[in-house]
PDB file of N, CA and C in Angstrom:
ATOM      1  N   UNK A   1       0.822  -1.174  -0.071  1.00  0.00           N
ATOM      2  CA  UNK A   1       0.046   0.035  -0.072  1.00  0.00           C
ATOM      3  C   UNK A   1       0.918   1.245  -0.040  1.00  0.00           C
ATOM      4  N   UNK A   2       0.601   2.161  -0.788  1.00  0.00           N
ATOM      5  CA  UNK A   2       1.449   3.356  -0.881  1.00  0.00           C
ATOM      6  C   UNK A   2       1.749   4.153   0.273  1.00  0.00           C
ATOM      7  N   UNK A   3       0.682   4.385   1.324  1.00  0.00           N
ATOM      8  CA  UNK A   3       0.851   5.194   2.457  1.00  0.00           C
ATOM      9  C   UNK A   3       1.190   4.413   3.729  1.00  0.00           C
ATOM     10  N   UNK A   4       0.573   3.381   3.852  1.00  0.00           N
ATOM     11  CA  UNK A   4       0.587   2.601   5.095  1.00  0.00           C
ATOM     12  C   UNK A   4       0.602   1.047   4.797  1.00  0.00           C
ATOM     13  N   UNK A   5       1.607   0.359   5.370  1.00  0.00           N
ATOM     14  CA  UNK A   5       1.616  -1.046   4.996  1.00  0.00           C
ATOM     15  C   UNK A   5       0.695  -1.817   5.774  1.00  0.00           C
ATOM     16  N   UNK A   6       0.437  -3.160   5.568  1.00  0.00           N
ATOM     17  CA  UNK A   6      -0.712  -3.768   6.170  1.00  0.00           C
ATOM     18  C   UNK A   6      -0.465  -4.013   7.702  1.00  0.00           C
ATOM     19  N   UNK A   7       0.801  -4.151   8.085  1.00  0.00           N
ATOM     20  CA  UNK A   7       1.089  -4.386   9.609  1.00  0.00           C
ATOM     21  C   UNK A   7       0.759  -3.122  10.279  1.00  0.00           C
ATOM     22  N   UNK A   8       1.138  -1.974   9.720  1.00  0.00           N
ATOM     23  CA  UNK A   8       0.810  -0.695  10.431  1.00  0.00           C
ATOM     24  C   UNK A   8      -0.674  -0.456  10.364  1.00  0.00           C
ATOM     25  N   UNK A   9      -1.257  -0.814   9.291  1.00  0.00           N
ATOM     26  CA  UNK A   9      -2.856  -0.520   9.301  1.00  0.00           C
ATOM     27  C   UNK A   9      -3.464  -1.465  10.302  1.00  0.00           C
ATOM     28  N   UNK A  10      -3.048  -2.555  10.374  1.00  0.00           N
ATOM     29  CA  UNK A  10      -3.659  -3.542  11.395  1.00  0.00           C
ATOM     30  C   UNK A  10      -3.416  -2.976  12.827  1.00  0.00           C
ATOM     31  N   UNK A  11      -2.212  -2.608  13.163  1.00  0.00           N
ATOM     32  CA  UNK A  11      -1.908  -1.920  14.449  1.00  0.00           C
ATOM     33  C   UNK A  11      -2.818  -0.821  14.750  1.00  0.00           C
ATOM     34  N   UNK A  12      -3.098   0.187  13.708  1.00  0.00           N
ATOM     35  CA  UNK A  12      -3.822   1.225  13.858  1.00  0.00           C
ATOM     36  C   UNK A  12      -5.398   0.854  14.025  1.00  0.00           C
ATOM     37  N   UNK A  13      -5.830  -0.085  13.312  1.00  0.00           N
ATOM     38  CA  UNK A  13      -7.192  -0.503  13.515  1.00  0.00           C
ATOM     39  C   UNK A  13      -7.441  -1.114  14.898  1.00  0.00           C
ATOM     40  N   UNK A  14      -6.515  -1.957  15.398  1.00  0.00           N
ATOM     41  CA  UNK A  14      -6.664  -2.504  16.625  1.00  0.00           C
ATOM     42  C   UNK A  14      -6.525  -1.438  17.818  1.00  0.00           C
ATOM     43  N   UNK A  15      -5.988  -0.270  17.508  1.00  0.00           N
ATOM     44  CA  UNK A  15      -5.699   0.692  18.533  1.00  0.00           C
ATOM     45  C   UNK A  15      -6.899   1.714  18.536  1.00  0.00           C
ATOM     46  N   UNK A  16      -7.908   1.600  17.729  1.00  0.00           N
ATOM     47  CA  UNK A  16      -9.030   2.545  17.529  1.00  0.00           C
ATOM     48  C   UNK A  16      -9.875   2.520  18.739  1.00  0.00           C
ATOM     49  N   UNK A  17     -10.502   3.564  19.089  1.00  0.00           N
ATOM     50  CA  UNK A  17     -11.431   3.633  20.308  1.00  0.00           C
ATOM     51  C   UNK A  17     -12.707   3.463  19.777  1.00  0.00           C
ATOM     52  N   UNK A  18     -13.081   2.244  19.372  1.00  0.00           N
ATOM     53  CA  UNK A  18     -14.388   1.845  19.044  1.00  0.00           C
ATOM     54  C   UNK A  18     -14.628   0.266  19.397  1.00  0.00           C
ATOM     55  N   UNK A  19     -15.862  -0.013  19.632  1.00  0.00           N
ATOM     56  CA  UNK A  19     -16.109  -1.362  20.204  1.00  0.00           C
ATOM     57  C   UNK A  19     -15.731  -2.515  19.299  1.00  0.00           C
ATOM     58  N   UNK A  20     -15.648  -2.313  18.030  1.00  0.00           N
ATOM     59  CA  UNK A  20     -15.343  -3.491  17.144  1.00  0.00           C
ATOM     60  C   UNK A  20     -13.832  -3.550  16.763  1.00  0.00           C
ATOM     61  N   UNK A  21     -13.011  -2.662  17.252  1.00  0.00           N
ATOM     62  CA  UNK A  21     -11.651  -2.464  16.885  1.00  0.00           C
ATOM     63  C   UNK A  21     -10.870  -3.750  17.215  1.00  0.00           C
ATOM     64  N   UNK A  22     -11.131  -4.390  18.209  1.00  0.00           N
ATOM     65  CA  UNK A  22     -10.429  -5.508  18.679  1.00  0.00           C
ATOM     66  C   UNK A  22     -10.912  -6.810  17.970  1.00  0.00           C
ATOM     67  N   UNK A  23     -12.147  -6.830  17.446  1.00  0.00           N
ATOM     68  CA  UNK A  23     -12.726  -8.054  16.924  1.00  0.00           C
ATOM     69  C   UNK A  23     -12.958  -8.220  15.418  1.00  0.00           C
ATOM     70  N   UNK A  24     -12.775  -7.011  14.686  1.00  0.00           N
ATOM     71  CA  UNK A  24     -13.063  -7.119  13.308  1.00  0.00           C
ATOM     72  C   UNK A  24     -11.955  -7.917  12.614  1.00  0.00           C
ATOM     73  N   UNK A  25     -12.480  -8.956  11.949  1.00  0.00           N
ATOM     74  CA  UNK A  25     -11.458  -9.792  11.190  1.00  0.00           C
ATOM     75  C   UNK A  25     -10.443  -9.020  10.159  1.00  0.00           C
ATOM     76  N   UNK A  26      -9.195  -9.324  10.418  1.00  0.00           N
ATOM     77  CA  UNK A  26      -8.134  -8.623   9.418  1.00  0.00           C
ATOM     78  C   UNK A  26      -7.445  -9.898   8.836  1.00  0.00           C
ATOM     79  N   UNK A  27      -7.441  -9.921   7.553  1.00  0.00           N
ATOM     80  CA  UNK A  27      -6.698 -11.009   6.880  1.00  0.00           C
ATOM     81  C   UNK A  27      -5.529 -10.444   6.058  1.00  0.00           C
ATOM     82  N   UNK A  28      -4.375 -10.888   6.447  1.00  0.00           N
ATOM     83  CA  UNK A  28      -3.194 -10.438   5.502  1.00  0.00           C
ATOM     84  C   UNK A  28      -3.248 -11.294   4.140  1.00  0.00           C
ATOM     85  N   UNK A  29      -3.142 -10.407   3.054  1.00  0.00           N
ATOM     86  CA  UNK A  29      -2.992 -10.959   1.673  1.00  0.00           C
ATOM     87  C   UNK A  29      -1.782 -10.405   1.183  1.00  0.00           C
ATOM     88  N   UNK A  30      -0.807 -11.264   1.085  1.00  0.00           N
ATOM     89  CA  UNK A  30       0.575 -10.740   0.833  1.00  0.00           C
ATOM     90  C   UNK A  30       1.495 -11.870   0.093  1.00  0.00           C
ATOM     91  N   UNK A  31       2.520 -11.292  -0.540  1.00  0.00           N
ATOM     92  CA  UNK A  31       3.526 -11.994  -1.186  1.00  0.00           C
ATOM     93  C   UNK A  31       4.503 -12.596  -0.165  1.00  0.00           C
ATOM     94  N   UNK A  32       4.593 -11.927   1.005  1.00  0.00           N
ATOM     95  CA  UNK A  32       5.556 -12.378   2.129  1.00  0.00           C
ATOM     96  C   UNK A  32       5.043 -13.619   2.794  1.00  0.00           C
ATOM     97  N   UNK A  33       5.656 -14.667   2.558  1.00  0.00           N
ATOM     98  CA  UNK A  33       5.175 -16.024   2.974  1.00  0.00           C
ATOM     99  C   UNK A  33       6.108 -16.671   3.915  1.00  0.00           C
ATOM    100  N   UNK A  34       7.116 -16.152   4.435  1.00  0.00           N
ATOM    101  CA  UNK A  34       8.065 -16.846   5.465  1.00  0.00           C
ATOM    102  C   UNK A  34       7.431 -16.876   6.670  1.00  0.00           C
ATOM    103  N   UNK A  35       7.888 -17.774   7.507  1.00  0.00           N
ATOM    104  CA  UNK A  35       7.281 -17.867   8.808  1.00  0.00           C
ATOM    105  C   UNK A  35       7.285 -16.602   9.678  1.00  0.00           C
ATOM    106  N   UNK A  36       8.374 -15.826   9.522  1.00  0.00           N
ATOM    107  CA  UNK A  36       8.610 -14.594  10.204  1.00  0.00           C
ATOM    108  C   UNK A  36       7.375 -13.479   9.747  1.00  0.00           C
ATOM    109  N   UNK A  37       7.152 -13.559   8.550  1.00  0.00           N
ATOM    110  CA  UNK A  37       6.068 -12.774   8.002  1.00  0.00           C
ATOM    111  C   UNK A  37       4.656 -13.119   8.613  1.00  0.00           C
ATOM    112  N   UNK A  38       4.434 -14.475   8.600  1.00  0.00           N
ATOM    113  CA  UNK A  38       3.097 -14.943   9.219  1.00  0.00           C
ATOM    114  C   UNK A  38       3.084 -14.527  10.692  1.00  0.00           C
ATOM    115  N   UNK A  39       4.280 -14.852  11.532  1.00  0.00           N
ATOM    116  CA  UNK A  39       4.242 -14.327  12.850  1.00  0.00           C
ATOM    117  C   UNK A  39       4.032 -12.872  13.048  1.00  0.00           C
ATOM    118  N   UNK A  40       4.663 -12.053  12.264  1.00  0.00           N
ATOM    119  CA  UNK A  40       4.426 -10.463  12.431  1.00  0.00           C
ATOM    120  C   UNK A  40       2.947 -10.176  12.102  1.00  0.00           C
ATOM    121  N   UNK A  41       2.415 -10.893  11.078  1.00  0.00           N
ATOM    122  CA  UNK A  41       0.948 -10.650  10.897  1.00  0.00           C
ATOM    123  C   UNK A  41       0.093 -10.928  12.191  1.00  0.00           C
ATOM    124  N   UNK A  42       0.365 -11.998  12.859  1.00  0.00           N
ATOM    125  CA  UNK A  42      -0.463 -12.264  14.083  1.00  0.00           C
ATOM    126  C   UNK A  42      -0.092 -11.456  15.278  1.00  0.00           C
ATOM    127  N   UNK A  43       1.203 -11.083  15.342  1.00  0.00           N
ATOM    128  CA  UNK A  43       1.804 -10.270  16.387  1.00  0.00           C
ATOM    129  C   UNK A  43       1.020  -8.801  16.551  1.00  0.00           C
ATOM    130  N   UNK A  44       0.691  -8.344  15.280  1.00  0.00           N
ATOM    131  CA  UNK A  44       0.055  -6.976  15.266  1.00  0.00           C
ATOM    132  C   UNK A  44      -1.498  -7.160  15.263  1.00  0.00           C
ATOM    133  N   UNK A  45      -2.043  -8.401  15.422  1.00  0.00           N
ATOM    134  CA  UNK A  45      -3.448  -8.543  15.568  1.00  0.00           C
ATOM    135  C   UNK A  45      -4.280  -9.052  14.428  1.00  0.00           C
ATOM    136  N   UNK A  46      -3.537  -9.344  13.342  1.00  0.00           N
ATOM    137  CA  UNK A  46      -4.325  -9.996  12.112  1.00  0.00           C
ATOM    138  C   UNK A  46      -4.860 -11.405  12.561  1.00  0.00           C
ATOM    139  N   UNK A  47      -5.860 -11.789  11.978  1.00  0.00           N
ATOM    140  CA  UNK A  47      -6.400 -13.063  12.363  1.00  0.00           C
ATOM    141  C   UNK A  47      -5.965 -14.205  11.465  1.00  0.00           C
ATOM    142  N   UNK A  48      -5.525 -13.852  10.206  1.00  0.00           N
ATOM    143  CA  UNK A  48      -5.178 -14.910   9.182  1.00  0.00           C
ATOM    144  C   UNK A  48      -4.127 -14.280   8.353  1.00  0.00           C
ATOM    145  N   UNK A  49      -3.368 -15.140   7.679  1.00  0.00           N
ATOM    146  CA  UNK A  49      -2.339 -14.777   6.780  1.00  0.00           C
ATOM    147  C   UNK A  49      -2.419 -15.637   5.506  1.00  0.00           C
ATOM    148  N   UNK A  50      -2.709 -15.023   4.395  1.00  0.00           N
ATOM    149  CA  UNK A  50      -2.844 -15.736   3.119  1.00  0.00           C
ATOM    150  C   UNK A  50      -1.735 -15.243   2.173  1.00  0.00           C
ATOM    151  N   UNK A  51      -0.920 -16.229   1.699  1.00  0.00           N
ATOM    152  CA  UNK A  51       0.084 -15.911   0.707  1.00  0.00           C
ATOM    153  C   UNK A  51      -0.276 -15.921  -0.695  1.00  0.00           C
ATOM    154  N   UNK A  52       0.223 -15.021  -1.535  1.00  0.00           N
ATOM    155  CA  UNK A  52      -0.077 -14.933  -2.947  1.00  0.00           C
ATOM    156  C   UNK A  52       0.758 -16.047  -3.567  1.00  0.00           C
ATOM    157  N   UNK A  53       0.330 -16.659  -4.768  1.00  0.00           N
ATOM    158  CA  UNK A  53      -0.962 -16.375  -5.358  1.00  0.00           C
ATOM    159  C   UNK A  53      -2.159 -16.955  -4.396  1.00  0.00           C
ATOM    160  N   UNK A  54      -3.318 -16.044  -4.556  1.00  0.00           N
ATOM    161  CA  UNK A  54      -4.413 -16.365  -3.751  1.00  0.00           C
ATOM    162  C   UNK A  54      -5.359 -17.359  -4.310  1.00  0.00           C
ATOM    163  N   UNK A  55      -5.824 -18.267  -3.583  1.00  0.00           N
ATOM    164  CA  UNK A  55      -6.859 -19.322  -3.948  1.00  0.00           C
ATOM    165  C   UNK A  55      -8.175 -18.793  -3.525  1.00  0.00           C
ATOM    166  N   UNK A  56      -9.087 -18.621  -4.296  1.00  0.00           N
ATOM    167  CA  UNK A  56     -10.316 -17.994  -3.883  1.00  0.00           C
ATOM    168  C   UNK A  56     -11.004 -18.904  -2.857  1.00  0.00           C
ATOM    169  N   UNK A  57     -10.898 -20.138  -2.939  1.00  0.00           N
ATOM    170  CA  UNK A  57     -11.458 -20.993  -1.853  1.00  0.00           C
ATOM    171  C   UNK A  57     -10.868 -20.856  -0.577  1.00  0.00           C
ATOM    172  N   UNK A  58      -9.603 -20.558  -0.522  1.00  0.00           N
ATOM    173  CA  UNK A  58      -9.011 -20.419   0.895  1.00  0.00           C
ATOM    174  C   UNK A  58      -9.492 -18.993   1.491  1.00  0.00           C
ATOM    175  N   UNK A  59      -9.779 -18.110   0.567  1.00  0.00           N
ATOM    176  CA  UNK A  59     -10.230 -16.696   0.936  1.00  0.00           C
ATOM    177  C   UNK A  59     -11.663 -16.929   1.545  1.00  0.00           C
ATOM    178  N   UNK A  60     -12.404 -17.667   0.837  1.00  0.00           N
ATOM    179  CA  UNK A  60     -13.698 -17.892   1.407  1.00  0.00           C
ATOM    180  C   UNK A  60     -13.842 -18.695   2.624  1.00  0.00           C
ATOM    181  N   UNK A  61     -12.893 -19.584   2.854  1.00  0.00           N
ATOM    182  CA  UNK A  61     -12.876 -20.490   4.035  1.00  0.00           C
ATOM    183  C   UNK A  61     -12.442 -19.590   5.247  1.00  0.00           C
ATOM    184  N   UNK A  62     -11.518 -18.792   4.999  1.00  0.00           N
ATOM    185  CA  UNK A  62     -11.053 -17.878   6.167  1.00  0.00           C
ATOM    186  C   UNK A  62     -12.168 -16.844   6.448  1.00  0.00           C
ATOM    187  N   UNK A  63     -12.790 -16.353   5.460  1.00  0.00           N
ATOM    188  CA  UNK A  63     -13.876 -15.392   5.879  1.00  0.00           C
ATOM    189  C   UNK A  63     -15.016 -16.058   6.634  1.00  0.00           C
ATOM    190  N   UNK A  64     -15.339 -17.325   6.192  1.00  0.00           N
ATOM    191  CA  UNK A  64     -16.290 -18.066   6.868  1.00  0.00           C
ATOM    192  C   UNK A  64     -15.881 -18.399   8.265  1.00  0.00           C
ATOM    193  N   UNK A  65     -14.598 -18.788   8.546  1.00  0.00           N
ATOM    194  CA  UNK A  65     -14.087 -19.125   9.727  1.00  0.00           C
ATOM    195  C   UNK A  65     -14.147 -18.005  10.635  1.00  0.00           C
ATOM    196  N   UNK A  66     -13.669 -16.812  10.212  1.00  0.00           N
ATOM    197  CA  UNK A  66     -13.655 -15.689  11.005  1.00  0.00           C
ATOM    198  C   UNK A  66     -15.055 -14.927  11.315  1.00  0.00           C
ATOM    199  N   UNK A  67     -15.949 -15.314  10.583  1.00  0.00           N
ATOM    200  CA  UNK A  67     -17.289 -14.739  10.824  1.00  0.00           C
ATOM    201  C   UNK A  67     -18.289 -15.788  11.345  1.00  0.00           C
ATOM    202  N   UNK A  68     -17.856 -16.831  11.806  1.00  0.00           N
ATOM    203  CA  UNK A  68     -18.606 -17.965  12.463  1.00  0.00           C
ATOM    204  C   UNK A  68     -19.673 -18.558  11.327  1.00  0.00           C
ATOM    205  N   UNK A  69     -19.234 -18.527  10.119  1.00  0.00           N
ATOM    206  CA  UNK A  69     -20.110 -19.060   9.148  1.00  0.00           C
ATOM    207  C   UNK A  69     -19.459 -20.274   8.525  1.00  0.00           C
ATOM    208  N   UNK A  70     -18.381 -20.825   9.202  1.00  0.00           N
ATOM    209  CA  UNK A  70     -17.625 -21.862   8.534  1.00  0.00           C
ATOM    210  C   UNK A  70     -17.830 -23.177   9.242  1.00  0.00           C
TER     211      UNK A  70
END
């Protein structure tokens, strides 16, 4: 992202002063797929980490899992 990377965006979302800030699902969609990248995603509060190339079925599975529809 040109202004804010995904890790910073997730940190800022989790820090918001609103009731859903801690619970809104955040999924990393990235080319960074090393274990360290995955751990960094979870460290800042993301709920899932999907590496590119993206498979639509995996995206749908994660959305269903994170919204209690899975």
